[in-house]
Amino acid sequence: MTTQQVWTTYSEDLKRFIISKVKDVAIADDILQNTFIKIHTKLHTLKDITKLKAWCFTVARNSILDYWKSTNQTFEIANFEAETIAAEDQHTEKDCLRAILQSLPKKYRDPIFLSDIKGLKQQEVADQLKQNLPTTKSQIQRARRLIAQGFMDCCGYVLNDKGKLVGVTQEKEDCKVCNN
């Protein structure tokens, strides 16, 4: 994955995270820029691409800590450490996605895994599954719709006017997918 792809995928989430900690948009922009400089220079060292999002948030967290240390804000550092530890125990979209993927029928789970998780081209997926390309494309699209529906059923996500899923993950005890 390139730095541009990481930016496209995670920059908005990272910026919201940074703003929630520093409460100043201008400072958050500077920290986000520093974060992506670090991501760009160290992306090649990431061994497990499935941990990319968590790694990016760790880089952002460390950039925030660097900012606070440079401004001698020790109180915020202590609070940030406590908040970060608590946040790690929270129910996340990743938990729901794992449960949603596990609930997919195998005929949808295998193509979506090969295509969207492993990054194979749809023709390569079709070849590997020994089926024709139109069938594979149909299964991948159906799996994507089922995943979106799973998030809507699970946590009350909705599709916005651009067709993107939006919402907030419910507490685990309220989650209809993870508690089944």
N, C-alpha and C. Protein backbone atom coordinates (compact mmCIF):
# COMPACT_ATOMS: atom_id res chain seq x y z
N MET A 1 0.85 -1.18 0.00
CA MET A 1 0.00 0.00 0.00
C MET A 1 0.90 1.24 0.00
N THR A 2 0.49 2.24 -0.75
CA THR A 2 1.28 3.46 -0.84
C THR A 2 0.83 4.46 0.23
N THR A 3 1.65 5.46 0.47
CA THR A 3 1.29 6.52 1.42
C THR A 3 0.03 7.22 0.96
N GLN A 4 -0.13 7.42 -0.35
CA GLN A 4 -1.33 8.07 -0.88
C GLN A 4 -2.57 7.24 -0.54
N GLN A 5 -2.48 5.93 -0.67
CA GLN A 5 -3.61 5.06 -0.35
C GLN A 5 -3.93 5.12 1.15
N VAL A 6 -2.88 5.16 1.97
CA VAL A 6 -3.08 5.27 3.41
C VAL A 6 -3.76 6.60 3.72
N TRP A 7 -3.31 7.67 3.08
CA TRP A 7 -3.91 9.00 3.27
C TRP A 7 -5.39 8.97 2.91
N THR A 8 -5.68 8.42 1.74
CA THR A 8 -7.07 8.37 1.27
C THR A 8 -7.95 7.57 2.23
N THR A 9 -7.42 6.49 2.75
CA THR A 9 -8.19 5.60 3.61
C THR A 9 -8.35 6.12 5.03
N TYR A 10 -7.28 6.67 5.62
CA TYR A 10 -7.29 6.92 7.06
C TYR A 10 -7.13 8.38 7.49
N SER A 11 -6.83 9.31 6.59
CA SER A 11 -6.51 10.67 7.04
C SER A 11 -7.66 11.34 7.79
N GLU A 12 -8.89 11.15 7.34
CA GLU A 12 -10.01 11.79 8.03
C GLU A 12 -10.19 11.24 9.44
N ASP A 13 -10.09 9.92 9.59
CA ASP A 13 -10.21 9.30 10.92
C ASP A 13 -9.07 9.75 11.83
N LEU A 14 -7.86 9.80 11.29
CA LEU A 14 -6.72 10.23 12.09
C LEU A 14 -6.87 11.68 12.52
N LYS A 15 -7.35 12.52 11.61
CA LYS A 15 -7.52 13.93 11.96
C LYS A 15 -8.56 14.10 13.07
N ARG A 16 -9.69 13.38 12.96
CA ARG A 16 -10.70 13.44 14.03
C ARG A 16 -10.11 13.00 15.37
N PHE A 17 -9.32 11.93 15.32
CA PHE A 17 -8.68 11.42 16.53
C PHE A 17 -7.75 12.48 17.12
N ILE A 18 -6.94 13.09 16.29
CA ILE A 18 -5.98 14.11 16.76
C ILE A 18 -6.72 15.32 17.32
N ILE A 19 -7.74 15.79 16.61
CA ILE A 19 -8.51 16.95 17.09
C ILE A 19 -9.16 16.63 18.44
N SER A 20 -9.62 15.42 18.62
CA SER A 20 -10.25 15.06 19.89
C SER A 20 -9.27 15.13 21.05
N LYS A 21 -7.99 15.07 20.76
CA LYS A 21 -6.98 15.11 21.82
C LYS A 21 -6.37 16.49 22.03
N VAL A 22 -6.22 17.27 20.95
CA VAL A 22 -5.56 18.57 21.10
C VAL A 22 -6.51 19.76 21.05
N LYS A 23 -7.73 19.54 20.57
CA LYS A 23 -8.79 20.55 20.56
C LYS A 23 -8.46 21.82 19.77
N ASP A 24 -7.53 21.74 18.83
CA ASP A 24 -7.15 22.90 18.03
C ASP A 24 -6.88 22.41 16.60
N VAL A 25 -7.67 22.88 15.65
CA VAL A 25 -7.58 22.39 14.28
C VAL A 25 -6.21 22.67 13.65
N ALA A 26 -5.66 23.85 13.88
CA ALA A 26 -4.36 24.21 13.30
C ALA A 26 -3.26 23.28 13.84
N ILE A 27 -3.28 23.04 15.14
CA ILE A 27 -2.28 22.14 15.74
C ILE A 27 -2.52 20.72 15.23
N ALA A 28 -3.79 20.33 15.12
CA ALA A 28 -4.11 18.99 14.62
C ALA A 28 -3.59 18.80 13.20
N ASP A 29 -3.71 19.84 12.37
CA ASP A 29 -3.19 19.74 11.00
C ASP A 29 -1.68 19.53 11.00
N ASP A 30 -0.97 20.23 11.88
CA ASP A 30 0.48 20.06 11.99
C ASP A 30 0.83 18.64 12.45
N ILE A 31 0.10 18.16 13.45
CA ILE A 31 0.37 16.81 13.97
C ILE A 31 0.05 15.77 12.91
N LEU A 32 -1.05 15.98 12.16
CA LEU A 32 -1.41 15.05 11.08
C LEU A 32 -0.31 15.03 10.02
N GLN A 33 0.23 16.19 9.69
CA GLN A 33 1.31 16.24 8.71
C GLN A 33 2.53 15.48 9.22
N ASN A 34 2.89 15.70 10.48
CA ASN A 34 4.03 14.97 11.07
C ASN A 34 3.76 13.46 11.09
N THR A 35 2.51 13.11 11.38
CA THR A 35 2.14 11.69 11.40
C THR A 35 2.36 11.06 10.03
N PHE A 36 1.93 11.75 8.97
CA PHE A 36 2.08 11.17 7.63
C PHE A 36 3.51 11.21 7.13
N ILE A 37 4.31 12.11 7.61
CA ILE A 37 5.75 12.06 7.29
C ILE A 37 6.34 10.78 7.88
N LYS A 38 5.97 10.49 9.13
CA LYS A 38 6.46 9.26 9.78
C LYS A 38 5.91 8.02 9.07
N ILE A 39 4.63 8.05 8.72
CA ILE A 39 4.04 6.92 8.02
C ILE A 39 4.76 6.69 6.68
N HIS A 40 5.00 7.77 5.95
CA HIS A 40 5.67 7.66 4.66
C HIS A 40 7.07 7.06 4.79
N THR A 41 7.81 7.51 5.81
CA THR A 41 9.19 7.03 5.94
C THR A 41 9.29 5.64 6.56
N LYS A 42 8.25 5.19 7.27
CA LYS A 42 8.32 3.89 7.96
C LYS A 42 7.36 2.84 7.43
N LEU A 43 6.54 3.19 6.44
CA LEU A 43 5.53 2.26 5.94
C LEU A 43 6.15 0.93 5.49
N HIS A 44 7.32 1.00 4.91
CA HIS A 44 7.98 -0.22 4.42
C HIS A 44 8.37 -1.17 5.56
N THR A 45 8.39 -0.68 6.80
CA THR A 45 8.78 -1.54 7.93
C THR A 45 7.60 -2.33 8.49
N LEU A 46 6.37 -1.99 8.09
CA LEU A 46 5.18 -2.69 8.60
C LEU A 46 5.15 -4.10 8.02
N LYS A 47 5.19 -5.08 8.89
CA LYS A 47 5.25 -6.48 8.46
C LYS A 47 3.88 -7.06 8.14
N ASP A 48 2.85 -6.65 8.89
CA ASP A 48 1.51 -7.22 8.74
C ASP A 48 0.54 -6.13 8.31
N ILE A 49 0.17 -6.12 7.04
CA ILE A 49 -0.69 -5.06 6.48
C ILE A 49 -2.06 -5.06 7.14
N THR A 50 -2.48 -6.17 7.74
CA THR A 50 -3.78 -6.20 8.42
C THR A 50 -3.78 -5.32 9.66
N LYS A 51 -2.60 -4.93 10.12
CA LYS A 51 -2.49 -4.08 11.30
C LYS A 51 -2.21 -2.62 10.93
N LEU A 52 -2.42 -2.29 9.66
CA LEU A 52 -2.11 -0.95 9.17
C LEU A 52 -2.85 0.14 9.92
N LYS A 53 -4.16 -0.02 10.10
CA LYS A 53 -4.95 1.03 10.76
C LYS A 53 -4.47 1.24 12.19
N ALA A 54 -4.29 0.17 12.93
CA ALA A 54 -3.82 0.29 14.31
C ALA A 54 -2.44 0.93 14.35
N TRP A 55 -1.58 0.57 13.41
CA TRP A 55 -0.24 1.13 13.35
C TRP A 55 -0.31 2.63 13.07
N CYS A 56 -1.17 3.04 12.14
CA CYS A 56 -1.32 4.47 11.82
C CYS A 56 -1.79 5.25 13.05
N PHE A 57 -2.73 4.69 13.80
CA PHE A 57 -3.21 5.36 15.00
C PHE A 57 -2.12 5.41 16.08
N THR A 58 -1.28 4.40 16.13
CA THR A 58 -0.15 4.43 17.07
C THR A 58 0.83 5.53 16.69
N VAL A 59 1.10 5.67 15.39
CA VAL A 59 1.98 6.75 14.92
C VAL A 59 1.37 8.10 15.28
N ALA A 60 0.07 8.26 15.08
CA ALA A 60 -0.61 9.52 15.42
C ALA A 60 -0.55 9.77 16.92
N ARG A 61 -0.79 8.74 17.70
CA ARG A 61 -0.74 8.86 19.16
C ARG A 61 0.64 9.33 19.60
N ASN A 62 1.68 8.73 19.02
CA ASN A 62 3.05 9.12 19.38
C ASN A 62 3.35 10.55 18.92
N SER A 63 2.79 10.97 17.80
CA SER A 63 2.97 12.35 17.33
C SER A 63 2.30 13.33 18.29
N ILE A 64 1.14 12.96 18.81
CA ILE A 64 0.46 13.80 19.80
C ILE A 64 1.30 13.89 21.07
N LEU A 65 1.82 12.76 21.51
CA LEU A 65 2.67 12.76 22.71
C LEU A 65 3.91 13.62 22.49
N ASP A 66 4.50 13.53 21.30
CA ASP A 66 5.67 14.37 20.99
C ASP A 66 5.30 15.85 21.08
N TYR A 67 4.13 16.21 20.56
CA TYR A 67 3.67 17.60 20.63
C TYR A 67 3.53 18.03 22.09
N TRP A 68 2.87 17.20 22.90
CA TRP A 68 2.67 17.57 24.30
C TRP A 68 3.99 17.69 25.05
N LYS A 69 4.91 16.77 24.76
CA LYS A 69 6.22 16.84 25.42
C LYS A 69 6.95 18.11 25.04
N SER A 70 6.82 18.51 23.78
CA SER A 70 7.52 19.71 23.31
C SER A 70 6.93 20.98 23.92
N THR A 71 5.69 20.90 24.40
CA THR A 71 5.05 22.07 25.02
C THR A 71 4.90 21.90 26.53
N ASN A 72 5.56 20.87 27.09
CA ASN A 72 5.55 20.61 28.54
C ASN A 72 4.14 20.46 29.11
N GLN A 73 3.29 19.73 28.43
CA GLN A 73 1.92 19.52 28.91
C GLN A 73 1.81 18.12 29.51
N THR A 74 2.35 17.92 30.69
CA THR A 74 2.39 16.60 31.31
C THR A 74 1.03 16.13 31.78
N PHE A 75 0.14 17.04 32.20
CA PHE A 75 -1.18 16.65 32.65
C PHE A 75 -1.94 15.95 31.51
N GLU A 76 -1.87 16.52 30.31
CA GLU A 76 -2.55 15.93 29.18
C GLU A 76 -1.97 14.56 28.82
N ILE A 77 -0.67 14.41 28.97
CA ILE A 77 -0.04 13.13 28.65
C ILE A 77 -0.59 12.05 29.57
N ALA A 78 -0.69 12.33 30.87
CA ALA A 78 -1.22 11.34 31.82
C ALA A 78 -2.66 10.98 31.48
N ASN A 79 -3.48 11.99 31.18
CA ASN A 79 -4.88 11.72 30.82
C ASN A 79 -4.97 10.93 29.52
N PHE A 80 -4.13 11.29 28.55
CA PHE A 80 -4.15 10.64 27.25
C PHE A 80 -3.80 9.16 27.39
N GLU A 81 -2.79 8.86 28.20
CA GLU A 81 -2.41 7.47 28.42
C GLU A 81 -3.58 6.68 29.00
N ALA A 82 -4.27 7.24 29.99
CA ALA A 82 -5.40 6.56 30.61
C ALA A 82 -6.54 6.37 29.61
N GLU A 83 -6.84 7.40 28.80
CA GLU A 83 -7.91 7.31 27.81
C GLU A 83 -7.59 6.26 26.76
N THR A 84 -6.33 6.20 26.35
CA THR A 84 -5.93 5.26 25.30
C THR A 84 -6.08 3.83 25.79
N ILE A 85 -5.69 3.57 27.03
CA ILE A 85 -5.83 2.23 27.58
C ILE A 85 -7.30 1.85 27.65
N ALA A 86 -8.15 2.76 28.10
CA ALA A 86 -9.59 2.48 28.17
C ALA A 86 -10.16 2.24 26.78
N ALA A 87 -9.72 3.01 25.79
CA ALA A 87 -10.25 2.87 24.43
C ALA A 87 -9.91 1.51 23.83
N GLU A 88 -8.80 0.92 24.23
CA GLU A 88 -8.40 -0.36 23.68
C GLU A 88 -9.37 -1.47 24.07
N ASP A 89 -10.12 -1.29 25.17
CA ASP A 89 -11.07 -2.28 25.64
C ASP A 89 -12.46 -2.10 25.02
N GLN A 90 -12.62 -1.07 24.20
CA GLN A 90 -13.93 -0.78 23.63
C GLN A 90 -14.27 -1.69 22.47
N HIS A 91 -15.54 -1.82 22.24
CA HIS A 91 -16.09 -2.57 21.12
C HIS A 91 -15.87 -1.74 19.85
N THR A 92 -15.30 -2.33 18.82
CA THR A 92 -14.96 -1.57 17.62
C THR A 92 -15.62 -2.14 16.37
N GLU A 93 -15.53 -1.37 15.28
CA GLU A 93 -16.03 -1.83 13.98
C GLU A 93 -15.34 -3.12 13.57
N LYS A 94 -14.09 -3.27 13.96
CA LYS A 94 -13.32 -4.47 13.62
C LYS A 94 -13.98 -5.71 14.23
N ASP A 95 -14.47 -5.57 15.48
CA ASP A 95 -15.16 -6.69 16.13
C ASP A 95 -16.39 -7.09 15.32
N CYS A 96 -17.17 -6.08 14.93
CA CYS A 96 -18.39 -6.33 14.14
C CYS A 96 -18.05 -6.93 12.79
N LEU A 97 -17.04 -6.37 12.12
CA LEU A 97 -16.67 -6.87 10.80
C LEU A 97 -16.28 -8.34 10.88
N ARG A 98 -15.51 -8.68 11.89
CA ARG A 98 -15.09 -10.08 12.05
C ARG A 98 -16.34 -10.98 12.16
N ALA A 99 -17.30 -10.59 12.99
CA ALA A 99 -18.51 -11.39 13.18
C ALA A 99 -19.35 -11.42 11.90
N ILE A 100 -19.44 -10.29 11.20
CA ILE A 100 -20.21 -10.23 9.96
C ILE A 100 -19.58 -11.14 8.91
N LEU A 101 -18.26 -11.09 8.78
CA LEU A 101 -17.57 -11.94 7.80
C LEU A 101 -17.77 -13.42 8.13
N GLN A 102 -17.71 -13.76 9.41
CA GLN A 102 -17.90 -15.15 9.81
C GLN A 102 -19.31 -15.64 9.52
N SER A 103 -20.28 -14.72 9.54
CA SER A 103 -21.67 -15.11 9.30
C SER A 103 -22.01 -15.22 7.81
N LEU A 104 -21.13 -14.72 6.93
CA LEU A 104 -21.39 -14.81 5.49
C LEU A 104 -21.35 -16.26 5.03
N PRO A 105 -22.23 -16.63 4.10
CA PRO A 105 -22.11 -17.96 3.50
C PRO A 105 -20.75 -18.09 2.79
N LYS A 106 -20.21 -19.28 2.80
CA LYS A 106 -18.88 -19.53 2.24
C LYS A 106 -18.76 -19.05 0.79
N LYS A 107 -19.83 -19.17 0.00
CA LYS A 107 -19.75 -18.76 -1.42
C LYS A 107 -19.54 -17.26 -1.58
N TYR A 108 -19.84 -16.47 -0.53
CA TYR A 108 -19.57 -15.02 -0.54
C TYR A 108 -18.30 -14.68 0.25
N ARG A 109 -18.09 -15.42 1.33
CA ARG A 109 -16.95 -15.14 2.20
C ARG A 109 -15.62 -15.35 1.48
N ASP A 110 -15.50 -16.44 0.75
CA ASP A 110 -14.23 -16.74 0.07
C ASP A 110 -13.87 -15.68 -0.99
N PRO A 111 -14.78 -15.33 -1.89
CA PRO A 111 -14.42 -14.31 -2.89
C PRO A 111 -14.11 -12.94 -2.28
N ILE A 112 -14.90 -12.51 -1.27
CA ILE A 112 -14.66 -11.18 -0.68
C ILE A 112 -13.33 -11.19 0.07
N PHE A 113 -13.01 -12.29 0.72
CA PHE A 113 -11.73 -12.39 1.43
C PHE A 113 -10.57 -12.28 0.44
N LEU A 114 -10.63 -13.05 -0.63
CA LEU A 114 -9.54 -13.03 -1.61
C LEU A 114 -9.42 -11.67 -2.29
N SER A 115 -10.55 -11.05 -2.57
CA SER A 115 -10.54 -9.77 -3.29
C SER A 115 -10.20 -8.60 -2.38
N ASP A 116 -10.98 -8.41 -1.32
CA ASP A 116 -10.87 -7.19 -0.52
C ASP A 116 -9.88 -7.30 0.63
N ILE A 117 -9.60 -8.49 1.10
CA ILE A 117 -8.65 -8.65 2.20
C ILE A 117 -7.26 -8.99 1.65
N LYS A 118 -7.19 -9.98 0.78
CA LYS A 118 -5.88 -10.37 0.23
C LYS A 118 -5.45 -9.50 -0.94
N GLY A 119 -6.40 -8.77 -1.54
CA GLY A 119 -6.04 -7.82 -2.60
C GLY A 119 -5.87 -8.41 -3.98
N LEU A 120 -6.43 -9.61 -4.20
CA LEU A 120 -6.32 -10.20 -5.53
C LEU A 120 -7.28 -9.51 -6.50
N LYS A 121 -6.90 -9.49 -7.76
CA LYS A 121 -7.80 -8.97 -8.80
C LYS A 121 -8.95 -9.96 -8.95
N GLN A 122 -10.09 -9.46 -9.39
CA GLN A 122 -11.27 -10.33 -9.48
C GLN A 122 -11.05 -11.51 -10.42
N GLN A 123 -10.30 -11.32 -11.49
CA GLN A 123 -10.01 -12.45 -12.39
C GLN A 123 -9.16 -13.50 -11.67
N GLU A 124 -8.22 -13.05 -10.85
CA GLU A 124 -7.41 -14.00 -10.08
C GLU A 124 -8.26 -14.76 -9.07
N VAL A 125 -9.22 -14.09 -8.48
CA VAL A 125 -10.14 -14.74 -7.55
C VAL A 125 -10.95 -15.80 -8.30
N ALA A 126 -11.48 -15.43 -9.46
CA ALA A 126 -12.26 -16.37 -10.26
C ALA A 126 -11.42 -17.60 -10.62
N ASP A 127 -10.18 -17.36 -11.04
CA ASP A 127 -9.30 -18.47 -11.39
C ASP A 127 -9.04 -19.37 -10.19
N GLN A 128 -8.77 -18.76 -9.04
CA GLN A 128 -8.47 -19.54 -7.84
C GLN A 128 -9.68 -20.35 -7.38
N LEU A 129 -10.86 -19.78 -7.54
CA LEU A 129 -12.08 -20.48 -7.12
C LEU A 129 -12.66 -21.36 -8.22
N LYS A 130 -11.99 -21.36 -9.37
CA LYS A 130 -12.39 -22.18 -10.52
C LYS A 130 -13.84 -21.89 -10.92
N GLN A 131 -14.11 -20.61 -11.15
CA GLN A 131 -15.44 -20.19 -11.60
C GLN A 131 -15.28 -19.05 -12.59
N ASN A 132 -16.35 -18.69 -13.27
CA ASN A 132 -16.23 -17.64 -14.26
C ASN A 132 -16.24 -16.25 -13.60
N LEU A 133 -15.73 -15.27 -14.33
CA LEU A 133 -15.57 -13.91 -13.80
C LEU A 133 -16.90 -13.27 -13.43
N PRO A 134 -17.95 -13.36 -14.26
CA PRO A 134 -19.21 -12.73 -13.86
C PRO A 134 -19.77 -13.28 -12.53
N THR A 135 -19.63 -14.57 -12.30
CA THR A 135 -20.08 -15.17 -11.05
C THR A 135 -19.29 -14.59 -9.88
N THR A 136 -17.98 -14.48 -10.04
CA THR A 136 -17.12 -13.94 -9.00
C THR A 136 -17.48 -12.50 -8.70
N LYS A 137 -17.64 -11.69 -9.74
CA LYS A 137 -18.01 -10.29 -9.55
C LYS A 137 -19.33 -10.17 -8.80
N SER A 138 -20.29 -10.99 -9.16
CA SER A 138 -21.60 -10.97 -8.52
C SER A 138 -21.48 -11.35 -7.04
N GLN A 139 -20.68 -12.38 -6.75
CA GLN A 139 -20.51 -12.82 -5.36
C GLN A 139 -19.83 -11.74 -4.51
N ILE A 140 -18.85 -11.07 -5.08
CA ILE A 140 -18.15 -10.01 -4.34
C ILE A 140 -19.10 -8.85 -4.06
N GLN A 141 -19.88 -8.45 -5.06
CA GLN A 141 -20.83 -7.36 -4.85
C GLN A 141 -21.89 -7.74 -3.83
N ARG A 142 -22.37 -8.96 -3.89
CA ARG A 142 -23.37 -9.44 -2.93
C ARG A 142 -22.77 -9.46 -1.52
N ALA A 143 -21.52 -9.91 -1.40
CA ALA A 143 -20.86 -9.94 -0.09
C ALA A 143 -20.72 -8.52 0.47
N ARG A 144 -20.37 -7.57 -0.37
CA ARG A 144 -20.24 -6.18 0.09
C ARG A 144 -21.58 -5.64 0.59
N ARG A 145 -22.65 -5.98 -0.13
CA ARG A 145 -23.98 -5.53 0.32
C ARG A 145 -24.36 -6.19 1.65
N LEU A 146 -24.02 -7.47 1.80
CA LEU A 146 -24.33 -8.18 3.04
C LEU A 146 -23.52 -7.61 4.21
N ILE A 147 -22.28 -7.23 3.95
CA ILE A 147 -21.45 -6.61 5.00
C ILE A 147 -22.06 -5.27 5.41
N ALA A 148 -22.44 -4.46 4.43
CA ALA A 148 -23.07 -3.17 4.74
C ALA A 148 -24.35 -3.38 5.52
N GLN A 149 -25.16 -4.34 5.10
CA GLN A 149 -26.40 -4.63 5.81
C GLN A 149 -26.11 -5.11 7.23
N GLY A 150 -25.04 -5.88 7.38
CA GLY A 150 -24.65 -6.34 8.72
C GLY A 150 -24.35 -5.18 9.64
N PHE A 151 -23.65 -4.16 9.14
CA PHE A 151 -23.36 -2.97 9.96
C PHE A 151 -24.64 -2.20 10.25
N MET A 152 -25.56 -2.16 9.30
CA MET A 152 -26.82 -1.45 9.56
C MET A 152 -27.65 -2.20 10.60
N ASP A 153 -27.67 -3.53 10.50
CA ASP A 153 -28.42 -4.34 11.47
C ASP A 153 -27.75 -4.32 12.84
N CYS A 154 -26.43 -4.38 12.84
CA CYS A 154 -25.65 -4.49 14.07
C CYS A 154 -25.72 -3.22 14.89
N CYS A 155 -25.32 -2.14 14.30
CA CYS A 155 -25.08 -0.93 15.07
C CYS A 155 -25.89 0.26 14.61
N GLY A 156 -26.89 0.03 13.80
CA GLY A 156 -27.73 1.13 13.37
C GLY A 156 -27.04 2.07 12.38
N TYR A 157 -26.01 1.59 11.70
CA TYR A 157 -25.39 2.40 10.66
C TYR A 157 -26.43 2.66 9.57
N VAL A 158 -26.23 3.72 8.81
CA VAL A 158 -27.11 4.05 7.69
C VAL A 158 -26.24 4.41 6.50
N LEU A 159 -26.83 4.38 5.32
CA LEU A 159 -26.13 4.83 4.12
C LEU A 159 -26.42 6.32 3.95
N ASN A 160 -25.37 7.12 3.79
CA ASN A 160 -25.59 8.55 3.56
C ASN A 160 -25.97 8.78 2.10
N ASP A 161 -26.16 10.04 1.72
CA ASP A 161 -26.60 10.34 0.35
C ASP A 161 -25.56 9.98 -0.71
N LYS A 162 -24.32 9.72 -0.28
CA LYS A 162 -23.28 9.30 -1.23
C LYS A 162 -23.12 7.78 -1.26
N GLY A 163 -23.98 7.08 -0.48
CA GLY A 163 -23.92 5.63 -0.46
C GLY A 163 -22.85 5.06 0.47
N LYS A 164 -22.33 5.89 1.36
CA LYS A 164 -21.30 5.44 2.31
C LYS A 164 -21.95 5.14 3.65
N LEU A 165 -21.45 4.09 4.31
CA LEU A 165 -21.95 3.74 5.64
C LEU A 165 -21.49 4.79 6.65
N VAL A 166 -22.41 5.26 7.47
CA VAL A 166 -22.06 6.19 8.53
C VAL A 166 -22.78 5.76 9.79
N GLY A 167 -22.16 6.03 10.92
CA GLY A 167 -22.76 5.68 12.20
C GLY A 167 -21.70 5.52 13.25
N VAL A 168 -22.14 5.08 14.40
CA VAL A 168 -21.25 4.87 15.53
C VAL A 168 -21.48 3.46 16.05
N THR A 169 -20.41 2.75 16.33
CA THR A 169 -20.52 1.39 16.83
C THR A 169 -21.18 1.40 18.21
N GLN A 170 -22.15 0.52 18.37
CA GLN A 170 -22.87 0.40 19.64
C GLN A 170 -21.98 -0.28 20.68
N GLU A 171 -22.38 -0.19 21.94
CA GLU A 171 -21.71 -0.93 22.98
C GLU A 171 -21.88 -2.43 22.68
N LYS A 172 -20.94 -3.24 23.11
CA LYS A 172 -20.97 -4.66 22.78
C LYS A 172 -22.27 -5.33 23.19
N GLU A 173 -22.79 -4.98 24.37
CA GLU A 173 -24.03 -5.62 24.82
C GLU A 173 -25.23 -5.25 23.95
N ASP A 174 -25.15 -4.12 23.22
CA ASP A 174 -26.23 -3.69 22.33
C ASP A 174 -26.04 -4.20 20.91
N CYS A 175 -24.90 -4.77 20.62
CA CYS A 175 -24.57 -5.21 19.26
C CYS A 175 -25.29 -6.52 18.96
N LYS A 176 -26.09 -6.51 17.90
CA LYS A 176 -26.88 -7.69 17.52
C LYS A 176 -26.01 -8.73 16.82
N VAL A 177 -24.88 -8.33 16.25
CA VAL A 177 -24.02 -9.25 15.51
C VAL A 177 -23.03 -9.95 16.44
N CYS A 178 -22.35 -9.17 17.27
CA CYS A 178 -21.29 -9.73 18.11
C CYS A 178 -21.84 -10.55 19.29
N ASN A 179 -23.10 -10.35 19.64
CA ASN A 179 -23.68 -11.08 20.77
C ASN A 179 -24.43 -12.32 20.34
N ASN A 180 -24.36 -12.67 19.07
CA ASN A 180 -25.04 -13.88 18.60
C ASN A 180 -24.10 -15.06 18.63
